N, C-alpha and C. Protein backbone atom coordinates (compact mmCIF):
# COMPACT_ATOMS: atom_id res chain seq x y z
N MET A 1 4.90 -66.44 -46.55
CA MET A 1 4.10 -65.70 -46.11
C MET A 1 5.03 -65.70 -44.42
N THR A 2 5.20 -64.33 -44.13
CA THR A 2 6.00 -64.52 -42.83
C THR A 2 4.96 -64.05 -41.70
N ALA A 3 5.24 -64.05 -40.55
CA ALA A 3 4.30 -63.95 -39.24
C ALA A 3 3.63 -62.28 -39.72
N LYS A 4 4.28 -61.62 -39.76
CA LYS A 4 4.18 -60.02 -40.22
C LYS A 4 3.35 -59.97 -41.82
N ALA A 5 3.41 -60.72 -42.21
CA ALA A 5 2.92 -60.69 -43.70
C ALA A 5 1.04 -60.56 -43.52
N LYS A 6 0.98 -59.46 -44.64
CA LYS A 6 -0.57 -59.30 -44.56
C LYS A 6 -1.45 -60.28 -45.24
N LEU A 7 -2.48 -60.23 -44.96
CA LEU A 7 -3.55 -61.23 -45.63
C LEU A 7 -4.26 -60.82 -46.80
N PRO A 8 -4.32 -61.38 -47.82
CA PRO A 8 -4.77 -60.57 -49.10
C PRO A 8 -6.14 -59.97 -48.80
N LYS A 9 -6.14 -58.51 -49.43
CA LYS A 9 -7.45 -57.73 -49.10
C LYS A 9 -8.79 -58.41 -49.57
N GLY A 10 -10.07 -58.39 -49.31
CA GLY A 10 -11.20 -59.36 -49.78
C GLY A 10 -10.87 -60.54 -49.03
N LEU A 11 -10.39 -60.84 -48.07
CA LEU A 11 -10.29 -62.44 -47.64
C LEU A 11 -11.38 -62.65 -47.30
N THR A 12 -12.40 -63.91 -47.89
CA THR A 12 -13.56 -64.43 -46.50
C THR A 12 -13.33 -65.26 -46.10
N PHE A 13 -13.50 -65.55 -45.58
CA PHE A 13 -13.94 -66.94 -44.21
C PHE A 13 -13.65 -68.15 -45.03
N GLU A 14 -14.78 -68.31 -45.85
CA GLU A 14 -14.35 -69.54 -46.74
C GLU A 14 -13.17 -69.81 -47.29
N LYS A 15 -12.65 -68.72 -47.93
CA LYS A 15 -11.44 -68.94 -48.16
C LYS A 15 -10.25 -69.22 -47.78
N ALA A 16 -10.22 -68.48 -46.62
CA ALA A 16 -9.46 -68.86 -45.51
C ALA A 16 -9.37 -70.21 -44.99
N LEU A 17 -10.72 -70.87 -44.69
CA LEU A 17 -10.62 -71.77 -44.56
C LEU A 17 -10.20 -73.02 -44.95
N GLU A 18 -10.38 -72.86 -46.78
CA GLU A 18 -10.26 -73.51 -47.83
C GLU A 18 -8.47 -73.64 -47.79
N ARG A 19 -7.99 -72.69 -47.60
CA ARG A 19 -6.56 -72.50 -47.61
C ARG A 19 -5.93 -73.37 -46.08
N LEU A 20 -6.77 -73.17 -45.17
CA LEU A 20 -6.23 -73.19 -43.69
C LEU A 20 -6.24 -75.41 -44.30
N GLU A 21 -7.35 -76.12 -44.62
CA GLU A 21 -7.52 -77.29 -45.16
C GLU A 21 -6.17 -77.66 -46.07
N LYS A 22 -5.82 -76.75 -46.69
CA LYS A 22 -4.75 -77.24 -48.09
C LYS A 22 -3.51 -77.08 -46.96
N ILE A 23 -2.96 -76.22 -46.21
CA ILE A 23 -2.21 -76.18 -45.44
C ILE A 23 -1.75 -77.66 -44.64
N VAL A 24 -3.07 -77.76 -43.99
CA VAL A 24 -3.26 -79.16 -42.98
C VAL A 24 -2.63 -80.12 -43.87
N ALA A 25 -3.01 -80.56 -45.02
CA ALA A 25 -2.41 -81.42 -45.98
C ALA A 25 -0.70 -81.44 -46.39
N GLU A 26 -0.69 -80.33 -46.69
CA GLU A 26 0.48 -79.53 -47.05
C GLU A 26 1.68 -80.06 -45.72
N LEU A 27 1.32 -79.57 -44.79
CA LEU A 27 2.06 -80.27 -43.35
C LEU A 27 2.24 -81.35 -43.16
N GLU A 28 1.36 -82.72 -43.37
CA GLU A 28 1.23 -83.82 -42.94
C GLU A 28 2.36 -84.11 -44.40
N ASP A 29 2.50 -84.02 -45.24
CA ASP A 29 3.42 -84.05 -45.99
C ASP A 29 4.94 -84.51 -45.84
N PRO A 30 5.26 -85.82 -45.44
CA PRO A 30 6.95 -86.01 -44.53
C PRO A 30 7.98 -85.59 -45.30
N GLU A 31 7.90 -85.27 -46.71
CA GLU A 31 8.67 -84.99 -47.68
C GLU A 31 9.18 -83.13 -47.80
N ARG A 32 8.44 -82.61 -46.86
CA ARG A 32 8.11 -80.73 -46.88
C ARG A 32 9.48 -80.71 -45.90
N GLY A 33 10.34 -79.70 -46.31
CA GLY A 33 11.56 -79.71 -45.46
C GLY A 33 11.29 -78.51 -44.54
N LEU A 34 11.69 -78.63 -43.45
CA LEU A 34 11.56 -77.63 -42.00
C LEU A 34 10.57 -76.03 -42.50
N GLU A 35 12.30 -75.73 -43.11
CA GLU A 35 11.94 -74.37 -43.35
C GLU A 35 10.61 -73.85 -44.09
N ALA A 36 10.32 -74.68 -45.22
CA ALA A 36 9.35 -74.72 -45.91
C ALA A 36 7.98 -75.21 -45.51
N SER A 37 8.10 -75.74 -44.50
CA SER A 37 6.90 -76.29 -43.32
C SER A 37 6.36 -75.07 -42.34
N LEU A 38 7.59 -74.55 -41.66
CA LEU A 38 7.29 -73.56 -41.09
C LEU A 38 6.72 -72.28 -42.01
N GLU A 39 7.26 -71.80 -42.88
CA GLU A 39 6.80 -71.07 -43.48
C GLU A 39 5.16 -71.10 -44.20
N ILE A 40 4.86 -72.49 -43.96
CA ILE A 40 3.39 -72.31 -44.53
C ILE A 40 2.46 -72.65 -42.93
N PHE A 41 3.04 -72.95 -42.20
CA PHE A 41 2.73 -72.70 -40.44
C PHE A 41 2.01 -71.62 -40.41
N GLU A 42 3.00 -70.56 -40.24
CA GLU A 42 3.13 -69.32 -39.71
C GLU A 42 1.49 -68.85 -40.83
N GLU A 43 1.80 -69.10 -41.86
CA GLU A 43 0.67 -69.05 -42.80
C GLU A 43 -0.76 -69.15 -42.14
N GLY A 44 -0.48 -70.34 -41.93
CA GLY A 44 -2.22 -71.39 -41.30
C GLY A 44 -2.62 -70.72 -39.75
N VAL A 45 -1.21 -70.19 -39.14
CA VAL A 45 -1.44 -69.09 -37.73
C VAL A 45 -2.37 -67.91 -38.13
N ALA A 46 -1.88 -67.40 -38.94
CA ALA A 46 -2.25 -66.01 -39.58
C ALA A 46 -3.77 -66.32 -39.58
N LEU A 47 -4.01 -67.28 -40.47
CA LEU A 47 -5.41 -67.57 -41.33
C LEU A 47 -6.29 -68.27 -40.28
N SER A 48 -6.28 -68.78 -39.18
CA SER A 48 -6.76 -69.21 -38.17
C SER A 48 -6.81 -68.12 -37.16
N ARG A 49 -6.10 -67.29 -37.14
CA ARG A 49 -6.45 -65.99 -36.29
C ARG A 49 -7.87 -65.12 -36.92
N PHE A 50 -7.61 -64.93 -38.45
CA PHE A 50 -8.27 -64.27 -38.83
C PHE A 50 -9.86 -65.27 -39.32
N CYS A 51 -9.75 -66.47 -38.95
CA CYS A 51 -10.89 -67.15 -38.86
C CYS A 51 -11.80 -66.87 -38.01
N ARG A 52 -10.64 -66.77 -36.48
CA ARG A 52 -11.30 -66.91 -35.23
C ARG A 52 -12.03 -65.93 -34.87
N GLY A 53 -11.50 -64.28 -35.48
CA GLY A 53 -11.71 -63.30 -35.84
C GLY A 53 -13.28 -63.03 -35.93
N LYS A 54 -13.41 -63.50 -37.01
CA LYS A 54 -14.39 -63.48 -38.01
C LYS A 54 -15.99 -64.44 -37.88
N LEU A 55 -15.40 -65.58 -36.99
CA LEU A 55 -16.27 -66.11 -35.88
C LEU A 55 -17.11 -65.03 -34.82
N GLU A 56 -16.03 -64.69 -33.87
CA GLU A 56 -16.09 -64.01 -33.13
C GLU A 56 -17.14 -62.50 -34.03
N GLU A 57 -17.11 -61.95 -34.82
CA GLU A 57 -17.73 -60.96 -35.08
C GLU A 57 -18.88 -61.46 -35.06
N ILE A 58 -19.20 -62.43 -35.82
CA ILE A 58 -20.80 -62.60 -36.58
C ILE A 58 -21.19 -63.37 -34.91
N GLN A 59 -20.75 -64.00 -34.68
CA GLN A 59 -21.54 -64.19 -33.09
C GLN A 59 -21.84 -63.01 -32.60
N LYS A 60 -21.00 -62.08 -32.32
CA LYS A 60 -21.71 -60.69 -32.08
C LYS A 60 -22.80 -59.68 -32.79
N ARG A 61 -22.75 -60.40 -34.01
CA ARG A 61 -23.65 -59.69 -34.68
C ARG A 61 -25.17 -60.66 -34.44
N VAL A 62 -25.03 -61.70 -34.32
CA VAL A 62 -26.44 -62.83 -33.65
C VAL A 62 -26.63 -62.01 -32.43
N ASP A 63 -25.68 -61.88 -31.86
CA ASP A 63 -26.14 -61.61 -30.09
C ASP A 63 -27.21 -60.71 -30.47
N VAL A 64 -26.55 -59.27 -30.88
CA VAL A 64 -27.13 -57.94 -31.00
C VAL A 64 -28.51 -58.43 -31.84
N VAL A 65 -28.54 -59.20 -32.69
CA VAL A 65 -29.91 -59.40 -33.70
C VAL A 65 -30.92 -60.34 -32.77
N LEU A 66 -30.54 -60.88 -31.70
CA LEU A 66 -31.57 -61.60 -30.86
C LEU A 66 -31.85 -60.71 -29.97
N LYS A 67 -31.37 -60.02 -29.63
CA LYS A 67 -31.23 -59.02 -28.17
C LYS A 67 -32.42 -57.86 -28.97
N GLU A 68 -32.35 -57.85 -29.78
CA GLU A 68 -33.46 -56.75 -30.34
C GLU A 68 -34.61 -57.22 -30.70
N THR A 69 -34.68 -58.71 -30.86
CA THR A 69 -36.14 -59.12 -31.24
C THR A 69 -37.00 -58.69 -30.25
N PRO A 70 -38.17 -58.35 -30.16
CA PRO A 70 -39.59 -58.21 -29.38
C PRO A 70 -39.69 -59.63 -28.23
N GLU A 71 -39.54 -61.09 -29.45
CA GLU A 71 -39.65 -62.23 -28.22
C GLU A 71 -38.89 -62.40 -27.60
N GLY A 72 -37.46 -62.01 -27.73
CA GLY A 72 -36.58 -61.97 -26.65
C GLY A 72 -35.94 -63.64 -26.54
N LEU A 73 -35.64 -63.89 -27.87
CA LEU A 73 -35.24 -64.90 -27.67
C LEU A 73 -33.57 -65.06 -27.36
N VAL A 74 -33.44 -66.20 -26.40
CA VAL A 74 -32.42 -66.69 -25.38
C VAL A 74 -31.50 -67.67 -26.89
N THR A 75 -30.09 -67.12 -26.45
CA THR A 75 -29.18 -68.13 -27.08
C THR A 75 -28.28 -69.30 -26.23
N GLU A 76 -28.55 -70.69 -27.19
CA GLU A 76 -27.73 -71.14 -26.16
C GLU A 76 -26.52 -71.96 -27.00
N PRO A 77 -25.73 -72.87 -26.37
CA PRO A 77 -24.55 -73.51 -26.77
C PRO A 77 -25.22 -74.96 -27.61
N LEU A 78 -24.48 -74.51 -28.80
CA LEU A 78 -25.10 -76.02 -29.84
C LEU A 78 -24.98 -77.23 -29.36
N ASP A 79 -23.50 -77.57 -28.64
CA ASP A 79 -23.38 -78.68 -27.60
C ASP A 79 -24.01 -78.64 -26.31
N ALA A 80 -24.75 -78.67 -26.15
CA ALA A 80 -25.67 -78.09 -24.84
C ALA A 80 -25.39 -79.73 -24.14
N PRO A 81 -24.98 -79.57 -22.69
CA PRO A 81 -24.68 -80.45 -21.55
C PRO A 81 -26.09 -81.38 -21.53
N GLY A 82 -25.31 -82.86 -21.26
CA GLY A 82 -27.12 -83.76 -21.55
C GLY A 82 -27.41 -83.85 -22.44
N GLU A 83 -27.18 -82.97 -24.07
CA GLU A 83 -27.68 -83.26 -25.01
C GLU A 83 -27.13 -84.72 -25.61
N ASP A 84 -26.09 -85.37 -25.36
CA ASP A 84 -25.87 -86.86 -25.74
C ASP A 84 -26.62 -87.57 -24.95
N ASP A 85 -26.39 -87.55 -23.70
CA ASP A 85 -27.12 -88.31 -22.76
C ASP A 85 -29.20 -88.70 -23.46
N GLU A 86 -29.29 -87.96 -24.01
CA GLU A 86 -31.21 -87.83 -24.14
C GLU A 86 -30.91 -88.78 -25.70
N ALA A 87 -30.07 -88.37 -26.72
CA ALA A 87 -30.17 -89.13 -27.60
C ALA A 87 -29.71 -90.25 -27.66
N GLY A 88 -28.80 -90.85 -26.65
CA GLY A 88 -28.58 -92.17 -26.34
C GLY A 88 -30.01 -92.96 -25.74
N GLU A 89 -30.30 -92.12 -24.93
CA GLU A 89 -31.97 -92.74 -24.58
C GLU A 89 -32.61 -93.36 -25.47
N ASP A 90 -32.56 -91.94 -26.41
CA ASP A 90 -34.04 -92.64 -27.40
C ASP A 90 -33.24 -93.73 -28.37
N GLY A 91 -32.08 -94.14 -28.51
CA GLY A 91 -31.53 -94.94 -29.47
C GLY A 91 -31.57 -96.11 -28.83
N GLU A 92 -31.85 -96.47 -27.58
CA GLU A 92 -31.89 -97.91 -26.89
C GLU A 92 -33.05 -98.69 -27.14
């Protein structure tokens, strides 16, 4: 697949991620030639962009749903600052 090649129609996030994991394993193979590595690297970049786009699309949809709720839910990052500090204090 070249950088200009299109991704398969109907590609899902899960299938793209699965293929990305295989590409990473293939790129770690020291026997793979330079040209073959470049070809699958280009495919990986296209898949990575596809996955990032899907994640951004889903995030926007989640934000819209949360804004439309009467309770006025507020979104917060999953890794809130200080979250690790609190967990460490409980574990001691």
